[in-house]
Amino acid sequence: ADRAPVRPGVAMADYQSALFGAFAAMIALFHREARGGTGQHVDVSLF
């Protein structure tokens, strides 16, 4: 409380976004391959 905010020691926002991106890609692939869907655009934001 008495000091400036502290960032994590690694690039957490980047790596969390990568997880969501890979997760979303697999959802989209499942939708396309197993549900007869088509392609789609996945929007992942760092924040």
All heavy atoms as atom14 arrays in JSON, in Angstrom:
{
  "sequence": "ADRAPVRPGVAMADYQSALFGAFAAMIALFHREARGGTGQHVDVSLF",
  "atom14_mask": [
    [1, 1, 1, 1, 1, 0, 0, 0, 0, 0, 0, 0, 0, 0],
    [1, 1, 1, 1, 1, 1, 1, 1, 0, 0, 0, 0, 0, 0],
    [1, 1, 1, 1, 1, 1, 1, 1, 1, 1, 1, 0, 0, 0],
    [1, 1, 1, 1, 1, 0, 0, 0, 0, 0, 0, 0, 0, 0],
    [1, 1, 1, 1, 1, 1, 1, 0, 0, 0, 0, 0, 0, 0],
    [1, 1, 1, 1, 1, 1, 1, 0, 0, 0, 0, 0, 0, 0],
    [1, 1, 1, 1, 1, 1, 1, 1, 1, 1, 1, 0, 0, 0],
    [1, 1, 1, 1, 1, 1, 1, 0, 0, 0, 0, 0, 0, 0],
    [1, 1, 1, 1, 0, 0, 0, 0, 0, 0, 0, 0, 0, 0],
    [1, 1, 1, 1, 1, 1, 1, 0, 0, 0, 0, 0, 0, 0],
    [1, 1, 1, 1, 1, 0, 0, 0, 0, 0, 0, 0, 0, 0],
    [1, 1, 1, 1, 1, 1, 1, 1, 0, 0, 0, 0, 0, 0],
    [1, 1, 1, 1, 1, 0, 0, 0, 0, 0, 0, 0, 0, 0],
    [1, 1, 1, 1, 1, 1, 1, 1, 0, 0, 0, 0, 0, 0],
    [1, 1, 1, 1, 1, 1, 1, 1, 1, 1, 1, 1, 0, 0],
    [1, 1, 1, 1, 1, 1, 1, 1, 1, 0, 0, 0, 0, 0],
    [1, 1, 1, 1, 1, 1, 0, 0, 0, 0, 0, 0, 0, 0],
    [1, 1, 1, 1, 1, 0, 0, 0, 0, 0, 0, 0, 0, 0],
    [1, 1, 1, 1, 1, 1, 1, 1, 0, 0, 0, 0, 0, 0],
    [1, 1, 1, 1, 1, 1, 1, 1, 1, 1, 1, 0, 0, 0],
    [1, 1, 1, 1, 0, 0, 0, 0, 0, 0, 0, 0, 0, 0],
    [1, 1, 1, 1, 1, 0, 0, 0, 0, 0, 0, 0, 0, 0],
    [1, 1, 1, 1, 1, 1, 1, 1, 1, 1, 1, 0, 0, 0],
    [1, 1, 1, 1, 1, 0, 0, 0, 0, 0, 0, 0, 0, 0],
    [1, 1, 1, 1, 1, 0, 0, 0, 0, 0, 0, 0, 0, 0],
    [1, 1, 1, 1, 1, 1, 1, 1, 0, 0, 0, 0, 0, 0],
    [1, 1, 1, 1, 1, 1, 1, 1, 0, 0, 0, 0, 0, 0],
    [1, 1, 1, 1, 1, 0, 0, 0, 0, 0, 0, 0, 0, 0],
    [1, 1, 1, 1, 1, 1, 1, 1, 0, 0, 0, 0, 0, 0],
    [1, 1, 1, 1, 1, 1, 1, 1, 1, 1, 1, 0, 0, 0],
    [1, 1, 1, 1, 1, 1, 1, 1, 1, 1, 0, 0, 0, 0],
    [1, 1, 1, 1, 1, 1, 1, 1, 1, 1, 1, 0, 0, 0],
    [1, 1, 1, 1, 1, 1, 1, 1, 1, 0, 0, 0, 0, 0],
    [1, 1, 1, 1, 1, 0, 0, 0, 0, 0, 0, 0, 0, 0],
    [1, 1, 1, 1, 1, 1, 1, 1, 1, 1, 1, 0, 0, 0],
    [1, 1, 1, 1, 0, 0, 0, 0, 0, 0, 0, 0, 0, 0],
    [1, 1, 1, 1, 0, 0, 0, 0, 0, 0, 0, 0, 0, 0],
    [1, 1, 1, 1, 1, 1, 1, 0, 0, 0, 0, 0, 0, 0],
    [1, 1, 1, 1, 0, 0, 0, 0, 0, 0, 0, 0, 0, 0],
    [1, 1, 1, 1, 1, 1, 1, 1, 1, 0, 0, 0, 0, 0],
    [1, 1, 1, 1, 1, 1, 1, 1, 1, 1, 0, 0, 0, 0],
    [1, 1, 1, 1, 1, 1, 1, 0, 0, 0, 0, 0, 0, 0],
    [1, 1, 1, 1, 1, 1, 1, 1, 0, 0, 0, 0, 0, 0],
    [1, 1, 1, 1, 1, 1, 1, 0, 0, 0, 0, 0, 0, 0],
    [1, 1, 1, 1, 1, 1, 0, 0, 0, 0, 0, 0, 0, 0],
    [1, 1, 1, 1, 1, 1, 1, 1, 0, 0, 0, 0, 0, 0],
    [1, 1, 1, 1, 1, 1, 1, 1, 1, 1, 1, 0, 0, 0]
  ],
  "atom14_positions": [
    [[0.81, -1.23, 0.0], [0.0, 0.0, 0.0], [0.84, 1.26, 0.0], [0.43, 2.29, -0.55], [-0.95, -0.01, 1.2], [0.0, 0.0, 0.0], [0.0, 0.0, 0.0], [0.0, 0.0, 0.0], [0.0, 0.0, 0.0], [0.0, 0.0, 0.0], [0.0, 0.0, 0.0], [0.0, 0.0, 0.0], [0.0, 0.0, 0.0], [0.0, 0.0, 0.0]],
    [[2.0, 1.22, 0.63], [2.81, 2.43, 0.76], [3.87, 2.56, -0.33], [4.77, 3.38, -0.22], [3.48, 2.45, 2.14], [4.39, 1.25, 2.38], [4.31, 0.27, 1.59], [5.19, 1.28, 3.35], [0.0, 0.0, 0.0], [0.0, 0.0, 0.0], [0.0, 0.0, 0.0], [0.0, 0.0, 0.0], [0.0, 0.0, 0.0], [0.0, 0.0, 0.0]],
    [[3.75, 1.75, -1.37], [4.73, 1.8, -2.46], [4.01, 1.76, -3.81], [2.81, 1.52, -3.88], [5.7, 0.61, -2.37], [6.6, 0.68, -1.14], [7.36, -0.63, -0.95], [7.12, -1.15, 0.4], [7.55, -2.33, 0.81], [8.23, -3.11, -0.02], [7.3, -2.74, 2.03], [0.0, 0.0, 0.0], [0.0, 0.0, 0.0], [0.0, 0.0, 0.0]],
    [[4.79, 1.99, -4.86], [4.23, 1.95, -6.2], [3.76, 0.54, -6.54], [4.28, -0.44, -6.01], [5.28, 2.4, -7.22], [0.0, 0.0, 0.0], [0.0, 0.0, 0.0], [0.0, 0.0, 0.0], [0.0, 0.0, 0.0], [0.0, 0.0, 0.0], [0.0, 0.0, 0.0], [0.0, 0.0, 0.0], [0.0, 0.0, 0.0], [0.0, 0.0, 0.0]],
    [[2.76, 0.41, -7.42], [2.34, -0.92, -7.87], [3.51, -1.7, -8.44], [4.46, -1.12, -8.97], [1.3, -0.61, -8.95], [0.8, 0.76, -8.63], [1.97, 1.48, -8.05], [0.0, 0.0, 0.0], [0.0, 0.0, 0.0], [0.0, 0.0, 0.0], [0.0, 0.0, 0.0], [0.0, 0.0, 0.0], [0.0, 0.0, 0.0], [0.0, 0.0, 0.0]],
    [[3.44, -3.02, -8.33], [4.53, -3.9, -8.75], [4.05, -4.82, -9.87], [3.0, -5.45, -9.74], [5.04, -4.74, -7.56], [6.13, -5.71, -8.02], [5.57, -3.83, -6.46], [0.0, 0.0, 0.0], [0.0, 0.0, 0.0], [0.0, 0.0, 0.0], [0.0, 0.0, 0.0], [0.0, 0.0, 0.0], [0.0, 0.0, 0.0], [0.0, 0.0, 0.0]],
    [[4.83, -4.88, -10.95], [4.49, -5.79, -12.04], [4.98, -7.19, -11.71], [5.95, -7.36, -10.97], [5.1, -5.32, -13.36], [6.61, -5.39, -13.41], [7.15, -5.1, -14.81], [6.84, -6.14, -15.76], [7.57, -7.24, -15.95], [8.66, -7.43, -15.23], [7.21, -8.14, -16.84], [0.0, 0.0, 0.0], [0.0, 0.0, 0.0], [0.0, 0.0, 0.0]],
    [[4.32, -8.22, -12.25], [4.85, -9.57, -12.09], [6.22, -9.69, -12.75], [6.59, -8.88, -13.61], [3.82, -10.44, -12.81], [2.59, -9.6, -12.9], [3.05, -8.19, -12.98], [0.0, 0.0, 0.0], [0.0, 0.0, 0.0], [0.0, 0.0, 0.0], [0.0, 0.0, 0.0], [0.0, 0.0, 0.0], [0.0, 0.0, 0.0], [0.0, 0.0, 0.0]],
    [[6.96, -10.72, -12.39], [8.31, -10.89, -12.9], [8.39, -11.38, -14.33], [9.49, -11.45, -14.89], [0.0, 0.0, 0.0], [0.0, 0.0, 0.0], [0.0, 0.0, 0.0], [0.0, 0.0, 0.0], [0.0, 0.0, 0.0], [0.0, 0.0, 0.0], [0.0, 0.0, 0.0], [0.0, 0.0, 0.0], [0.0, 0.0, 0.0], [0.0, 0.0, 0.0]],
    [[7.26, -11.8, -14.91], [7.22, -12.23, -16.3], [6.08, -11.5, -17.0], [5.27, -10.82, -16.37], [7.03, -13.76, -16.42], [8.21, -14.5, -15.84], [5.73, -14.2, -15.75], [0.0, 0.0, 0.0], [0.0, 0.0, 0.0], [0.0, 0.0, 0.0], [0.0, 0.0, 0.0], [0.0, 0.0, 0.0], [0.0, 0.0, 0.0], [0.0, 0.0, 0.0]],
    [[6.0, -11.66, -18.34], [4.99, -10.95, -19.14], [3.64, -11.65, -19.03], [3.19, -12.35, -19.96], [5.45, -10.87, -20.59], [0.0, 0.0, 0.0], [0.0, 0.0, 0.0], [0.0, 0.0, 0.0], [0.0, 0.0, 0.0], [0.0, 0.0, 0.0], [0.0, 0.0, 0.0], [0.0, 0.0, 0.0], [0.0, 0.0, 0.0], [0.0, 0.0, 0.0]],
    [[2.96, -11.46, -17.91], [1.73, -12.2, -17.63], [0.63, -11.91, -18.64], [-0.09, -12.82, -19.06], [1.24, -11.88, -16.22], [2.09, -12.44, -15.11], [2.21, -14.25, -15.15], [0.5, -14.72, -14.95], [0.0, 0.0, 0.0], [0.0, 0.0, 0.0], [0.0, 0.0, 0.0], [0.0, 0.0, 0.0], [0.0, 0.0, 0.0], [0.0, 0.0, 0.0]],
    [[0.44, -10.65, -19.03], [-0.64, -10.33, -19.96], [-0.42, -11.01, -21.3], [-1.36, -11.54, -21.92], [-0.74, -8.82, -20.15], [0.0, 0.0, 0.0], [0.0, 0.0, 0.0], [0.0, 0.0, 0.0], [0.0, 0.0, 0.0], [0.0, 0.0, 0.0], [0.0, 0.0, 0.0], [0.0, 0.0, 0.0], [0.0, 0.0, 0.0], [0.0, 0.0, 0.0]],
    [[0.81, -11.03, -21.77], [1.11, -11.68, -23.03], [0.85, -13.18, -22.96], [0.23, -13.76, -23.86], [2.57, -11.44, -23.41], [2.81, -10.03, -23.94], [1.96, -9.53, -24.67], [3.86, -9.45, -23.62], [0.0, 0.0, 0.0], [0.0, 0.0, 0.0], [0.0, 0.0, 0.0], [0.0, 0.0, 0.0], [0.0, 0.0, 0.0], [0.0, 0.0, 0.0]],
    [[1.32, -13.81, -21.91], [1.16, -15.26, -21.82], [-0.28, -15.66, -21.52], [-0.77, -16.68, -22.02], [2.12, -15.83, -20.77], [3.53, -15.95, -21.3], [4.51, -15.01, -20.97], [3.89, -16.99, -22.15], [5.8, -15.11, -21.47], [5.18, -17.09, -22.66], [6.13, -16.16, -22.32], [7.4, -16.26, -22.83], [0.0, 0.0, 0.0], [0.0, 0.0, 0.0]],
    [[-1.0, -14.87, -20.73], [-2.42, -15.16, -20.52], [-3.19, -15.02, -21.83], [-4.08, -15.84, -22.13], [-3.0, -14.21, -19.46], [-2.56, -14.55, -18.05], [-2.99, -13.5, -17.04], [-3.11, -12.32, -17.35], [-3.21, -13.92, -15.82], [0.0, 0.0, 0.0], [0.0, 0.0, 0.0], [0.0, 0.0, 0.0], [0.0, 0.0, 0.0], [0.0, 0.0, 0.0]],
    [[-2.86, -14.01, -22.62], [-3.54, -13.82, -23.9], [-3.22, -14.96, -24.86], [-4.08, -15.4, -25.63], [-3.11, -12.48, -24.53], [-3.51, -11.41, -23.7], [0.0, 0.0, 0.0], [0.0, 0.0, 0.0], [0.0, 0.0, 0.0], [0.0, 0.0, 0.0], [0.0, 0.0, 0.0], [0.0, 0.0, 0.0], [0.0, 0.0, 0.0], [0.0, 0.0, 0.0]],
    [[-1.99, -15.46, -24.8], [-1.63, -16.61, -25.63], [-2.46, -17.83, -25.27], [-2.92, -18.57, -26.14], [-0.15, -16.91, -25.5], [0.0, 0.0, 0.0], [0.0, 0.0, 0.0], [0.0, 0.0, 0.0], [0.0, 0.0, 0.0], [0.0, 0.0, 0.0], [0.0, 0.0, 0.0], [0.0, 0.0, 0.0], [0.0, 0.0, 0.0], [0.0, 0.0, 0.0]],
    [[-2.68, -18.04, -23.98], [-3.53, -19.16, -23.55], [-4.94, -19.01, -24.09], [-5.53, -19.96, -24.63], [-3.57, -19.23, -22.02], [-2.39, -19.88, -21.31], [-2.49, -19.66, -19.81], [-2.35, -21.38, -21.62], [0.0, 0.0, 0.0], [0.0, 0.0, 0.0], [0.0, 0.0, 0.0], [0.0, 0.0, 0.0], [0.0, 0.0, 0.0], [0.0, 0.0, 0.0]],
    [[-5.51, -17.81, -23.95], [-6.86, -17.58, -24.47], [-6.9, -17.74, -25.99], [-7.87, -18.26, -26.55], [-7.37, -16.19, -24.07], [-7.97, -16.14, -22.7], [-7.37, -15.41, -21.69], [-9.14, -16.82, -22.41], [-7.92, -15.36, -20.42], [-9.7, -16.78, -21.14], [-9.09, -16.04, -20.14], [0.0, 0.0, 0.0], [0.0, 0.0, 0.0], [0.0, 0.0, 0.0]],
    [[-5.85, -17.3, -26.67], [-5.8, -17.41, -28.12], [-5.77, -18.86, -28.57], [-6.49, -19.26, -29.5], [0.0, 0.0, 0.0], [0.0, 0.0, 0.0], [0.0, 0.0, 0.0], [0.0, 0.0, 0.0], [0.0, 0.0, 0.0], [0.0, 0.0, 0.0], [0.0, 0.0, 0.0], [0.0, 0.0, 0.0], [0.0, 0.0, 0.0], [0.0, 0.0, 0.0]],
    [[-4.93, -19.69, -27.91], [-4.86, -21.1, -28.26], [-6.16, -21.82, -27.92], [-6.65, -22.66, -28.68], [-3.68, -21.76, -27.53], [0.0, 0.0, 0.0], [0.0, 0.0, 0.0], [0.0, 0.0, 0.0], [0.0, 0.0, 0.0], [0.0, 0.0, 0.0], [0.0, 0.0, 0.0], [0.0, 0.0, 0.0], [0.0, 0.0, 0.0], [0.0, 0.0, 0.0]],
    [[-6.74, -21.47, -26.78], [-8.03, -22.03, -26.36], [-9.11, -21.7, -27.38], [-9.88, -22.57, -27.81], [-8.36, -21.45, -24.98], [-9.73, -21.78, -24.44], [-10.12, -23.1, -24.25], [-10.6, -20.77, -24.09], [-11.38, -23.39, -23.72], [-11.85, -21.05, -23.57], [-12.24, -22.37, -23.37], [0.0, 0.0, 0.0], [0.0, 0.0, 0.0], [0.0, 0.0, 0.0]],
    [[-9.16, -20.44, -27.81], [-10.16, -20.01, -28.79], [-9.95, -20.69, -30.13], [-10.91, -21.07, -30.81], [-10.1, -18.5, -28.95], [0.0, 0.0, 0.0], [0.0, 0.0, 0.0], [0.0, 0.0, 0.0], [0.0, 0.0, 0.0], [0.0, 0.0, 0.0], [0.0, 0.0, 0.0], [0.0, 0.0, 0.0], [0.0, 0.0, 0.0], [0.0, 0.0, 0.0]],
    [[-8.7, -20.85, -30.54], [-8.42, -21.53, -31.81], [-8.94, -22.96, -31.78], [-9.53, -23.45, -32.76], [-6.92, -21.52, -32.1], [0.0, 0.0, 0.0], [0.0, 0.0, 0.0], [0.0, 0.0, 0.0], [0.0, 0.0, 0.0], [0.0, 0.0, 0.0], [0.0, 0.0, 0.0], [0.0, 0.0, 0.0], [0.0, 0.0, 0.0], [0.0, 0.0, 0.0]],
    [[-8.77, -23.65, -30.65], [-9.25, -25.02, -30.55], [-10.78, -25.07, -30.53], [-11.39, -25.98, -31.11], [-8.68, -25.7, -29.3], [-7.17, -25.91, -29.34], [-6.59, -26.75, -30.85], [-7.49, -28.29, -30.76], [0.0, 0.0, 0.0], [0.0, 0.0, 0.0], [0.0, 0.0, 0.0], [0.0, 0.0, 0.0], [0.0, 0.0, 0.0], [0.0, 0.0, 0.0]],
    [[-11.43, -24.11, -29.87], [-12.9, -24.04, -29.91], [-13.37, -23.86, -31.35], [-14.3, -24.53, -31.82], [-13.42, -22.89, -29.03], [-13.15, -23.18, -27.56], [-14.91, -22.67, -29.26], [-13.45, -22.0, -26.65], [0.0, 0.0, 0.0], [0.0, 0.0, 0.0], [0.0, 0.0, 0.0], [0.0, 0.0, 0.0], [0.0, 0.0, 0.0], [0.0, 0.0, 0.0]],
    [[-12.72, -22.94, -32.06], [-13.12, -22.65, -33.44], [-12.87, -23.86, -34.35], [-13.68, -24.16, -35.24], [-12.35, -21.44, -33.95], [0.0, 0.0, 0.0], [0.0, 0.0, 0.0], [0.0, 0.0, 0.0], [0.0, 0.0, 0.0], [0.0, 0.0, 0.0], [0.0, 0.0, 0.0], [0.0, 0.0, 0.0], [0.0, 0.0, 0.0], [0.0, 0.0, 0.0]],
    [[-11.75, -24.56, -34.13], [-11.48, -25.77, -34.91], [-12.52, -26.85, -34.61], [-13.0, -27.54, -35.52], [-10.08, -26.3, -34.6], [-8.93, -25.53, -35.25], [-7.6, -25.92, -34.6], [-8.88, -25.78, -36.76], [0.0, 0.0, 0.0], [0.0, 0.0, 0.0], [0.0, 0.0, 0.0], [0.0, 0.0, 0.0], [0.0, 0.0, 0.0], [0.0, 0.0, 0.0]],
    [[-12.89, -27.01, -33.35], [-13.91, -27.99, -32.98], [-15.24, -27.64, -33.64], [-15.93, -28.5, -34.19], [-14.06, -28.05, -31.46], [-15.11, -29.03, -30.99], [-14.82, -30.37, -30.92], [-16.37, -28.59, -30.63], [-15.78, -31.29, -30.49], [-17.34, -29.49, -30.21], [-17.05, -30.84, -30.14], [0.0, 0.0, 0.0], [0.0, 0.0, 0.0], [0.0, 0.0, 0.0]],
    [[-15.61, -26.36, -33.58], [-16.86, -25.91, -34.2], [-16.86, -26.2, -35.7], [-17.88, -26.66, -36.25], [-17.03, -24.41, -33.95], [-18.18, -23.8, -34.7], [-19.49, -24.05, -34.39], [-18.21, -22.94, -35.76], [-20.28, -23.38, -35.22], [-19.52, -22.71, -36.06], [0.0, 0.0, 0.0], [0.0, 0.0, 0.0], [0.0, 0.0, 0.0], [0.0, 0.0, 0.0]],
    [[-15.73, -25.98, -36.33], [-15.64, -26.21, -37.77], [-15.62, -27.69, -38.13], [-16.32, -28.15, -39.04], [-14.38, -25.53, -38.31], [-14.31, -25.46, -39.83], [-12.95, -24.93, -40.29], [-11.91, -25.95, -40.15], [-10.62, -25.73, -40.39], [-10.21, -24.52, -40.72], [-9.74, -26.69, -40.25], [0.0, 0.0, 0.0], [0.0, 0.0, 0.0], [0.0, 0.0, 0.0]],
    [[-14.8, -28.45, -37.39], [-14.57, -29.85, -37.75], [-15.66, -30.79, -37.24], [-16.05, -31.74, -37.92], [-13.21, -30.31, -37.22], [-12.03, -29.53, -37.77], [-11.91, -29.67, -39.28], [-12.02, -30.81, -39.78], [-11.72, -28.64, -39.95], [0.0, 0.0, 0.0], [0.0, 0.0, 0.0], [0.0, 0.0, 0.0], [0.0, 0.0, 0.0], [0.0, 0.0, 0.0]],
    [[-16.14, -30.55, -36.02], [-17.08, -31.49, -35.4], [-18.53, -31.03, -35.46], [-19.44, -31.84, -35.29], [-16.68, -31.73, -33.93], [0.0, 0.0, 0.0], [0.0, 0.0, 0.0], [0.0, 0.0, 0.0], [0.0, 0.0, 0.0], [0.0, 0.0, 0.0], [0.0, 0.0, 0.0], [0.0, 0.0, 0.0], [0.0, 0.0, 0.0], [0.0, 0.0, 0.0]],
    [[-18.74, -29.75, -35.69], [-20.1, -29.22, -35.69], [-20.56, -28.72, -37.06], [-21.64, -28.15, -37.19], [-20.22, -28.08, -34.66], [-20.03, -28.52, -33.21], [-21.24, -29.32, -32.74], [-21.17, -29.58, -31.3], [-20.79, -30.74, -30.76], [-20.43, -31.74, -31.55], [-20.77, -30.9, -29.46], [0.0, 0.0, 0.0], [0.0, 0.0, 0.0], [0.0, 0.0, 0.0]],
    [[-19.69, -28.91, -38.06], [-20.07, -28.49, -39.4], [-20.07, -26.99, -39.6], [-20.71, -26.48, -40.53], [0.0, 0.0, 0.0], [0.0, 0.0, 0.0], [0.0, 0.0, 0.0], [0.0, 0.0, 0.0], [0.0, 0.0, 0.0], [0.0, 0.0, 0.0], [0.0, 0.0, 0.0], [0.0, 0.0, 0.0], [0.0, 0.0, 0.0], [0.0, 0.0, 0.0]],
    [[-19.35, -26.26, -38.76], [-19.29, -24.81, -38.88], [-18.3, -24.38, -39.94], [-17.71, -25.18, -40.66], [0.0, 0.0, 0.0], [0.0, 0.0, 0.0], [0.0, 0.0, 0.0], [0.0, 0.0, 0.0], [0.0, 0.0, 0.0], [0.0, 0.0, 0.0], [0.0, 0.0, 0.0], [0.0, 0.0, 0.0], [0.0, 0.0, 0.0], [0.0, 0.0, 0.0]],
    [[-18.11, -23.09, -40.01], [-17.16, -22.53, -40.98], [-16.09, -21.75, -40.22], [-15.98, -21.84, -39.0], [-17.89, -21.64, -41.99], [-16.96, -21.2, -42.99], [-18.52, -20.42, -41.32], [0.0, 0.0, 0.0], [0.0, 0.0, 0.0], [0.0, 0.0, 0.0], [0.0, 0.0, 0.0], [0.0, 0.0, 0.0], [0.0, 0.0, 0.0], [0.0, 0.0, 0.0]],
    [[-15.3, -20.98, -40.95], [-14.26, -20.2, -40.3], [-14.83, -19.05, -39.5], [-16.02, -18.73, -39.6], [0.0, 0.0, 0.0], [0.0, 0.0, 0.0], [0.0, 0.0, 0.0], [0.0, 0.0, 0.0], [0.0, 0.0, 0.0], [0.0, 0.0, 0.0], [0.0, 0.0, 0.0], [0.0, 0.0, 0.0], [0.0, 0.0, 0.0], [0.0, 0.0, 0.0]],
    [[-13.98, -18.42, -38.7], [-14.42, -17.26, -37.93], [-13.22, -16.45, -37.47], [-12.08, -16.91, -37.51], [-15.26, -17.69, -36.72], [-14.57, -18.61, -35.75], [-15.47, -18.99, -34.59], [-15.9, -18.13, -33.81], [-15.78, -20.29, -34.47], [0.0, 0.0, 0.0], [0.0, 0.0, 0.0], [0.0, 0.0, 0.0], [0.0, 0.0, 0.0], [0.0, 0.0, 0.0]],
    [[-13.51, -15.23, -37.04], [-12.49, -14.31, -36.56], [-12.52, -14.28, -35.04], [-13.57, -14.04, -34.43], [-12.75, -12.9, -37.12], [-11.63, -11.94, -36.89], [-11.77, -10.58, -37.04], [-10.33, -12.14, -36.53], [-10.62, -9.98, -36.78], [-9.74, -10.9, -36.47], [0.0, 0.0, 0.0], [0.0, 0.0, 0.0], [0.0, 0.0, 0.0], [0.0, 0.0, 0.0]],
    [[-11.39, -14.53, -34.4], [-11.28, -14.55, -32.95], [-10.58, -13.26, -32.51], [-9.5, -12.93, -33.0], [-10.47, -15.77, -32.48], [-10.27, -15.73, -30.98], [-11.16, -17.07, -32.9], [0.0, 0.0, 0.0], [0.0, 0.0, 0.0], [0.0, 0.0, 0.0], [0.0, 0.0, 0.0], [0.0, 0.0, 0.0], [0.0, 0.0, 0.0], [0.0, 0.0, 0.0]],
    [[-11.19, -12.54, -31.58], [-10.69, -11.26, -31.09], [-10.23, -11.43, -29.65], [-11.04, -11.54, -28.73], [-11.83, -10.23, -31.19], [-11.47, -8.85, -30.67], [-10.33, -8.64, -30.21], [-12.35, -7.96, -30.73], [0.0, 0.0, 0.0], [0.0, 0.0, 0.0], [0.0, 0.0, 0.0], [0.0, 0.0, 0.0], [0.0, 0.0, 0.0], [0.0, 0.0, 0.0]],
    [[-8.91, -11.46, -29.44], [-8.32, -11.6, -28.11], [-7.63, -10.3, -27.75], [-6.81, -9.8, -28.52], [-7.29, -12.75, -28.06], [-6.64, -12.84, -26.67], [-7.94, -14.08, -28.43], [0.0, 0.0, 0.0], [0.0, 0.0, 0.0], [0.0, 0.0, 0.0], [0.0, 0.0, 0.0], [0.0, 0.0, 0.0], [0.0, 0.0, 0.0], [0.0, 0.0, 0.0]],
    [[-7.95, -9.75, -26.58], [-7.26, -8.54, -26.14], [-6.41, -8.83, -24.91], [-6.78, -9.65, -24.06], [-8.26, -7.43, -25.82], [-8.96, -7.7, -24.62], [0.0, 0.0, 0.0], [0.0, 0.0, 0.0], [0.0, 0.0, 0.0], [0.0, 0.0, 0.0], [0.0, 0.0, 0.0], [0.0, 0.0, 0.0], [0.0, 0.0, 0.0], [0.0, 0.0, 0.0]],
    [[-5.29, -8.15, -24.81], [-4.42, -8.32, -23.65], [-5.16, -7.93, -22.37], [-5.09, -8.64, -21.35], [-3.16, -7.46, -23.78], [-2.2, -7.73, -24.93], [-0.96, -6.83, -24.78], [-1.77, -9.18, -25.0], [0.0, 0.0, 0.0], [0.0, 0.0, 0.0], [0.0, 0.0, 0.0], [0.0, 0.0, 0.0], [0.0, 0.0, 0.0], [0.0, 0.0, 0.0]],
    [[-5.87, -6.82, -22.4], [-6.46, -6.33, -21.16], [-7.57, -7.26, -20.67], [-7.7, -7.53, -19.47], [-6.95, -4.88, -21.3], [-8.37, -4.71, -21.73], [-9.41, -4.68, -20.8], [-8.7, -4.56, -23.07], [-10.73, -4.51, -21.19], [-10.01, -4.37, -23.47], [-11.03, -4.36, -22.53], [0.0, 0.0, 0.0], [0.0, 0.0, 0.0], [0.0, 0.0, 0.0]]
  ]
}
